[in-house]
Amino acid sequence: MKNLLINLKNKVPTFFKKEQGATMVEYAIMLALIAIVSIAMIQILGQKVNNTFSTIQSAMPNNG
């Protein structure tokens, strides 16, 4: 039992030092959030630009 506790005591600090997997997950979450915000902003701005061009087109005379 004592050997098991000593073995666990030696392995626990190395387990918490290995944070490479957590870092990769954090980067994936940040990338996903950036992508979602970017797509939302492009859609909003795209609609506003489309409305602006439609207003300009309707204001121009039709010279056919």
PDB file of N, CA and C in Angstrom:
ATOM      1  N   MET A   1       0.821  -1.193   0.000  1.00  0.00           N
ATOM      2  CA  MET A   1       0.000   0.000   0.000  1.00  0.00           C
ATOM      3  C   MET A   1       0.863   1.253   0.000  1.00  0.00           C
ATOM      4  N   LYS A   2       1.936   1.217   0.786  1.00  0.00           N
ATOM      5  CA  LYS A   2       2.816   2.364   0.883  1.00  0.00           C
ATOM      6  C   LYS A   2       3.504   2.619  -0.467  1.00  0.00           C
ATOM      7  N   ASN A   3       3.896   1.540  -1.143  1.00  0.00           N
ATOM      8  CA  ASN A   3       4.529   1.684  -2.459  1.00  0.00           C
ATOM      9  C   ASN A   3       3.561   2.288  -3.473  1.00  0.00           C
ATOM     10  N   LEU A   4       2.311   1.901  -3.384  1.00  0.00           N
ATOM     11  CA  LEU A   4       1.309   2.445  -4.289  1.00  0.00           C
ATOM     12  C   LEU A   4       1.145   3.942  -4.068  1.00  0.00           C
ATOM     13  N   LEU A   5       1.090   4.379  -2.818  1.00  0.00           N
ATOM     14  CA  LEU A   5       0.965   5.807  -2.524  1.00  0.00           C
ATOM     15  C   LEU A   5       2.184   6.591  -2.990  1.00  0.00           C
ATOM     16  N   ILE A   6       3.374   6.017  -2.810  1.00  0.00           N
ATOM     17  CA  ILE A   6       4.600   6.685  -3.277  1.00  0.00           C
ATOM     18  C   ILE A   6       4.591   6.761  -4.793  1.00  0.00           C
ATOM     19  N   ASN A   7       4.175   5.705  -5.447  1.00  0.00           N
ATOM     20  CA  ASN A   7       4.110   5.676  -6.906  1.00  0.00           C
ATOM     21  C   ASN A   7       3.117   6.727  -7.414  1.00  0.00           C
ATOM     22  N   LEU A   8       1.947   6.825  -6.789  1.00  0.00           N
ATOM     23  CA  LEU A   8       0.963   7.830  -7.178  1.00  0.00           C
ATOM     24  C   LEU A   8       1.481   9.239  -6.924  1.00  0.00           C
ATOM     25  N   LYS A   9       2.163   9.418  -5.796  1.00  0.00           N
ATOM     26  CA  LYS A   9       2.694  10.729  -5.451  1.00  0.00           C
ATOM     27  C   LYS A   9       3.717  11.187  -6.494  1.00  0.00           C
ATOM     28  N   ASN A  10       4.454  10.265  -7.055  1.00  0.00           N
ATOM     29  CA  ASN A  10       5.449  10.618  -8.068  1.00  0.00           C
ATOM     30  C   ASN A  10       4.810  10.881  -9.436  1.00  0.00           C
ATOM     31  N   LYS A  11       3.699  10.250  -9.731  1.00  0.00           N
ATOM     32  CA  LYS A  11       3.077  10.389 -11.047  1.00  0.00           C
ATOM     33  C   LYS A  11       2.110  11.570 -11.150  1.00  0.00           C
ATOM     34  N   VAL A  12       1.534  11.997 -10.053  1.00  0.00           N
ATOM     35  CA  VAL A  12       0.551  13.079 -10.097  1.00  0.00           C
ATOM     36  C   VAL A  12       1.153  14.382 -10.625  1.00  0.00           C
ATOM     37  N   PRO A  13       2.315  14.835 -10.166  1.00  0.00           N
ATOM     38  CA  PRO A  13       2.854  16.085 -10.720  1.00  0.00           C
ATOM     39  C   PRO A  13       3.140  16.007 -12.222  1.00  0.00           C
ATOM     40  N   THR A  14       3.608  14.878 -12.725  1.00  0.00           N
ATOM     41  CA  THR A  14       3.869  14.768 -14.156  1.00  0.00           C
ATOM     42  C   THR A  14       2.569  14.761 -14.951  1.00  0.00           C
ATOM     43  N   PHE A  15       1.500  14.246 -14.357  1.00  0.00           N
ATOM     44  CA  PHE A  15       0.196  14.261 -15.032  1.00  0.00           C
ATOM     45  C   PHE A  15      -0.294  15.698 -15.220  1.00  0.00           C
ATOM     46  N   PHE A  16      -0.139  16.529 -14.208  1.00  0.00           N
ATOM     47  CA  PHE A  16      -0.617  17.907 -14.302  1.00  0.00           C
ATOM     48  C   PHE A  16       0.309  18.791 -15.128  1.00  0.00           C
ATOM     49  N   LYS A  17       1.548  18.409 -15.319  1.00  0.00           N
ATOM     50  CA  LYS A  17       2.457  19.186 -16.149  1.00  0.00           C
ATOM     51  C   LYS A  17       2.185  18.980 -17.632  1.00  0.00           C
ATOM     52  N   LYS A  18       1.565  17.871 -18.011  1.00  0.00           N
ATOM     53  CA  LYS A  18       1.271  17.583 -19.404  1.00  0.00           C
ATOM     54  C   LYS A  18      -0.025  18.285 -19.793  1.00  0.00           C
ATOM     55  N   GLU A  19       0.076  19.534 -20.256  1.00  0.00           N
ATOM     56  CA  GLU A  19      -1.104  20.306 -20.611  1.00  0.00           C
ATOM     57  C   GLU A  19      -1.195  20.542 -22.113  1.00  0.00           C
ATOM     58  N   GLN A  20      -0.491  19.781 -22.905  1.00  0.00           N
ATOM     59  CA  GLN A  20      -0.507  19.982 -24.346  1.00  0.00           C
ATOM     60  C   GLN A  20      -1.885  19.711 -24.923  1.00  0.00           C
ATOM     61  N   GLY A  21      -2.568  18.705 -24.441  1.00  0.00           N
ATOM     62  CA  GLY A  21      -3.908  18.394 -24.924  1.00  0.00           C
ATOM     63  C   GLY A  21      -4.896  19.495 -24.593  1.00  0.00           C
ATOM     64  N   ALA A  22      -4.808  20.042 -23.402  1.00  0.00           N
ATOM     65  CA  ALA A  22      -5.704  21.124 -23.003  1.00  0.00           C
ATOM     66  C   ALA A  22      -5.462  22.359 -23.860  1.00  0.00           C
ATOM     67  N   THR A  23      -4.205  22.632 -24.179  1.00  0.00           N
ATOM     68  CA  THR A  23      -3.889  23.792 -25.006  1.00  0.00           C
ATOM     69  C   THR A  23      -4.488  23.638 -26.391  1.00  0.00           C
ATOM     70  N   MET A  24      -4.419  22.445 -26.944  1.00  0.00           N
ATOM     71  CA  MET A  24      -4.975  22.202 -28.271  1.00  0.00           C
ATOM     72  C   MET A  24      -6.494  22.396 -28.263  1.00  0.00           C
ATOM     73  N   VAL A  25      -7.145  21.963 -27.214  1.00  0.00           N
ATOM     74  CA  VAL A  25      -8.597  22.139 -27.094  1.00  0.00           C
ATOM     75  C   VAL A  25      -8.935  23.618 -26.973  1.00  0.00           C
ATOM     76  N   GLU A  26      -8.153  24.357 -26.213  1.00  0.00           N
ATOM     77  CA  GLU A  26      -8.395  25.788 -26.073  1.00  0.00           C
ATOM     78  C   GLU A  26      -8.251  26.500 -27.412  1.00  0.00           C
ATOM     79  N   TYR A  27      -7.234  26.153 -28.178  1.00  0.00           N
ATOM     80  CA  TYR A  27      -7.059  26.754 -29.502  1.00  0.00           C
ATOM     81  C   TYR A  27      -8.230  26.403 -30.424  1.00  0.00           C
ATOM     82  N   ALA A  28      -8.717  25.188 -30.353  1.00  0.00           N
ATOM     83  CA  ALA A  28      -9.850  24.782 -31.188  1.00  0.00           C
ATOM     84  C   ALA A  28     -11.105  25.560 -30.816  1.00  0.00           C
ATOM     85  N   ILE A  29     -11.327  25.779 -29.535  1.00  0.00           N
ATOM     86  CA  ILE A  29     -12.495  26.551 -29.084  1.00  0.00           C
ATOM     87  C   ILE A  29     -12.383  28.003 -29.532  1.00  0.00           C
ATOM     88  N   MET A  30     -11.194  28.594 -29.396  1.00  0.00           N
ATOM     89  CA  MET A  30     -11.011  29.979 -29.842  1.00  0.00           C
ATOM     90  C   MET A  30     -11.219  30.094 -31.345  1.00  0.00           C
ATOM     91  N   LEU A  31     -10.697  29.138 -32.101  1.00  0.00           N
ATOM     92  CA  LEU A  31     -10.858  29.161 -33.557  1.00  0.00           C
ATOM     93  C   LEU A  31     -12.330  29.046 -33.940  1.00  0.00           C
ATOM     94  N   ALA A  32     -13.062  28.188 -33.263  1.00  0.00           N
ATOM     95  CA  ALA A  32     -14.486  28.029 -33.550  1.00  0.00           C
ATOM     96  C   ALA A  32     -15.254  29.316 -33.233  1.00  0.00           C
ATOM     97  N   LEU A  33     -14.939  29.962 -32.119  1.00  0.00           N
ATOM     98  CA  LEU A  33     -15.621  31.204 -31.763  1.00  0.00           C
ATOM     99  C   LEU A  33     -15.302  32.319 -32.752  1.00  0.00           C
ATOM    100  N   ILE A  34     -14.043  32.411 -33.171  1.00  0.00           N
ATOM    101  CA  ILE A  34     -13.665  33.420 -34.167  1.00  0.00           C
ATOM    102  C   ILE A  34     -14.399  33.170 -35.471  1.00  0.00           C
ATOM    103  N   ALA A  35     -14.499  31.916 -35.881  1.00  0.00           N
ATOM    104  CA  ALA A  35     -15.194  31.582 -37.126  1.00  0.00           C
ATOM    105  C   ALA A  35     -16.678  31.944 -37.038  1.00  0.00           C
ATOM    106  N   ILE A  36     -17.309  31.648 -35.914  1.00  0.00           N
ATOM    107  CA  ILE A  36     -18.739  31.943 -35.754  1.00  0.00           C
ATOM    108  C   ILE A  36     -18.984  33.452 -35.793  1.00  0.00           C
ATOM    109  N   VAL A  37     -18.156  34.213 -35.083  1.00  0.00           N
ATOM    110  CA  VAL A  37     -18.311  35.673 -35.069  1.00  0.00           C
ATOM    111  C   VAL A  37     -18.048  36.246 -36.462  1.00  0.00           C
ATOM    112  N   SER A  38     -17.035  35.736 -37.142  1.00  0.00           N
ATOM    113  CA  SER A  38     -16.710  36.224 -38.488  1.00  0.00           C
ATOM    114  C   SER A  38     -17.863  35.963 -39.459  1.00  0.00           C
ATOM    115  N   ILE A  39     -18.409  34.774 -39.428  1.00  0.00           N
ATOM    116  CA  ILE A  39     -19.522  34.435 -40.326  1.00  0.00           C
ATOM    117  C   ILE A  39     -20.734  35.321 -40.030  1.00  0.00           C
ATOM    118  N   ALA A  40     -21.031  35.542 -38.765  1.00  0.00           N
ATOM    119  CA  ALA A  40     -22.172  36.394 -38.400  1.00  0.00           C
ATOM    120  C   ALA A  40     -21.964  37.826 -38.881  1.00  0.00           C
ATOM    121  N   MET A  41     -20.769  38.352 -38.705  1.00  0.00           N
ATOM    122  CA  MET A  41     -20.499  39.730 -39.131  1.00  0.00           C
ATOM    123  C   MET A  41     -20.543  39.863 -40.649  1.00  0.00           C
ATOM    124  N   ILE A  42     -20.038  38.880 -41.361  1.00  0.00           N
ATOM    125  CA  ILE A  42     -20.080  38.918 -42.826  1.00  0.00           C
ATOM    126  C   ILE A  42     -21.526  38.902 -43.312  1.00  0.00           C
ATOM    127  N   GLN A  43     -22.372  38.099 -42.686  1.00  0.00           N
ATOM    128  CA  GLN A  43     -23.778  38.058 -43.084  1.00  0.00           C
ATOM    129  C   GLN A  43     -24.471  39.385 -42.811  1.00  0.00           C
ATOM    130  N   ILE A  44     -24.213  39.978 -41.657  1.00  0.00           N
ATOM    131  CA  ILE A  44     -24.847  41.259 -41.316  1.00  0.00           C
ATOM    132  C   ILE A  44     -24.367  42.353 -42.262  1.00  0.00           C
ATOM    133  N   LEU A  45     -23.064  42.439 -42.465  1.00  0.00           N
ATOM    134  CA  LEU A  45     -22.523  43.468 -43.360  1.00  0.00           C
ATOM    135  C   LEU A  45     -22.947  43.224 -44.802  1.00  0.00           C
ATOM    136  N   GLY A  46     -23.034  41.970 -45.202  1.00  0.00           N
ATOM    137  CA  GLY A  46     -23.463  41.644 -46.556  1.00  0.00           C
ATOM    138  C   GLY A  46     -24.877  42.118 -46.828  1.00  0.00           C
ATOM    139  N   GLN A  47     -25.754  41.958 -45.866  1.00  0.00           N
ATOM    140  CA  GLN A  47     -27.140  42.418 -46.020  1.00  0.00           C
ATOM    141  C   GLN A  47     -27.202  43.938 -46.115  1.00  0.00           C
ATOM    142  N   LYS A  48     -26.394  44.621 -45.299  1.00  0.00           N
ATOM    143  CA  LYS A  48     -26.401  46.084 -45.328  1.00  0.00           C
ATOM    144  C   LYS A  48     -25.843  46.602 -46.653  1.00  0.00           C
ATOM    145  N   VAL A  49     -24.783  45.985 -47.146  1.00  0.00           N
ATOM    146  CA  VAL A  49     -24.208  46.398 -48.435  1.00  0.00           C
ATOM    147  C   VAL A  49     -25.202  46.131 -49.559  1.00  0.00           C
ATOM    148  N   ASN A  50     -25.872  45.015 -49.511  1.00  0.00           N
ATOM    149  CA  ASN A  50     -26.873  44.682 -50.519  1.00  0.00           C
ATOM    150  C   ASN A  50     -28.012  45.698 -50.511  1.00  0.00           C
ATOM    151  N   ASN A  51     -28.471  46.085 -49.337  1.00  0.00           N
ATOM    152  CA  ASN A  51     -29.530  47.097 -49.232  1.00  0.00           C
ATOM    153  C   ASN A  51     -29.061  48.441 -49.783  1.00  0.00           C
ATOM    154  N   THR A  52     -27.815  48.794 -49.500  1.00  0.00           N
ATOM    155  CA  THR A  52     -27.282  50.065 -49.995  1.00  0.00           C
ATOM    156  C   THR A  52     -27.227  50.070 -51.515  1.00  0.00           C
ATOM    157  N   PHE A  53     -26.726  49.011 -52.126  1.00  0.00           N
ATOM    158  CA  PHE A  53     -26.660  48.945 -53.578  1.00  0.00           C
ATOM    159  C   PHE A  53     -28.058  48.916 -54.206  1.00  0.00           C
ATOM    160  N   SER A  54     -28.988  48.264 -53.559  1.00  0.00           N
ATOM    161  CA  SER A  54     -30.369  48.239 -54.075  1.00  0.00           C
ATOM    162  C   SER A  54     -30.973  49.651 -54.057  1.00  0.00           C
ATOM    163  N   THR A  55     -30.706  50.396 -52.982  1.00  0.00           N
ATOM    164  CA  THR A  55     -31.198  51.778 -52.889  1.00  0.00           C
ATOM    165  C   THR A  55     -30.583  52.641 -53.981  1.00  0.00           C
ATOM    166  N   ILE A  56     -29.279  52.488 -54.202  1.00  0.00           N
ATOM    167  CA  ILE A  56     -28.600  53.263 -55.244  1.00  0.00           C
ATOM    168  C   ILE A  56     -29.143  52.891 -56.619  1.00  0.00           C
ATOM    169  N   GLN A  57     -29.344  51.601 -56.857  1.00  0.00           N
ATOM    170  CA  GLN A  57     -29.863  51.150 -58.171  1.00  0.00           C
ATOM    171  C   GLN A  57     -31.254  51.695 -58.420  1.00  0.00           C
ATOM    172  N   SER A  58     -32.092  51.681 -57.410  1.00  0.00           N
ATOM    173  CA  SER A  58     -33.462  52.177 -57.621  1.00  0.00           C
ATOM    174  C   SER A  58     -33.485  53.701 -57.802  1.00  0.00           C
ATOM    175  N   ALA A  59     -32.493  54.399 -57.273  1.00  0.00           N
ATOM    176  CA  ALA A  59     -32.453  55.853 -57.412  1.00  0.00           C
ATOM    177  C   ALA A  59     -31.917  56.284 -58.774  1.00  0.00           C
ATOM    178  N   MET A  60     -31.205  55.416 -59.462  1.00  0.00           N
ATOM    179  CA  MET A  60     -30.628  55.768 -60.771  1.00  0.00           C
ATOM    180  C   MET A  60     -31.701  55.654 -61.859  1.00  0.00           C
ATOM    181  N   PRO A  61     -31.643  56.552 -62.838  1.00  0.00           N
ATOM    182  CA  PRO A  61     -32.624  56.457 -63.925  1.00  0.00           C
ATOM    183  C   PRO A  61     -32.327  55.244 -64.824  1.00  0.00           C
ATOM    184  N   ASN A  62     -33.375  54.676 -65.371  1.00  0.00           N
ATOM    185  CA  ASN A  62     -33.219  53.507 -66.240  1.00  0.00           C
ATOM    186  C   ASN A  62     -33.075  54.001 -67.686  1.00  0.00           C
ATOM    187  N   ASN A  63     -31.837  53.918 -68.189  1.00  0.00           N
ATOM    188  CA  ASN A  63     -31.561  54.390 -69.533  1.00  0.00           C
ATOM    189  C   ASN A  63     -31.657  53.278 -70.568  1.00  0.00           C
ATOM    190  N   GLY A  64     -31.884  52.099 -70.131  1.00  0.00           N
ATOM    191  CA  GLY A  64     -32.109  50.963 -70.990  1.00  0.00           C
ATOM    192  C   GLY A  64     -31.065  50.756 -71.987  1.00  0.00           C
TER     193      GLY A  64
END
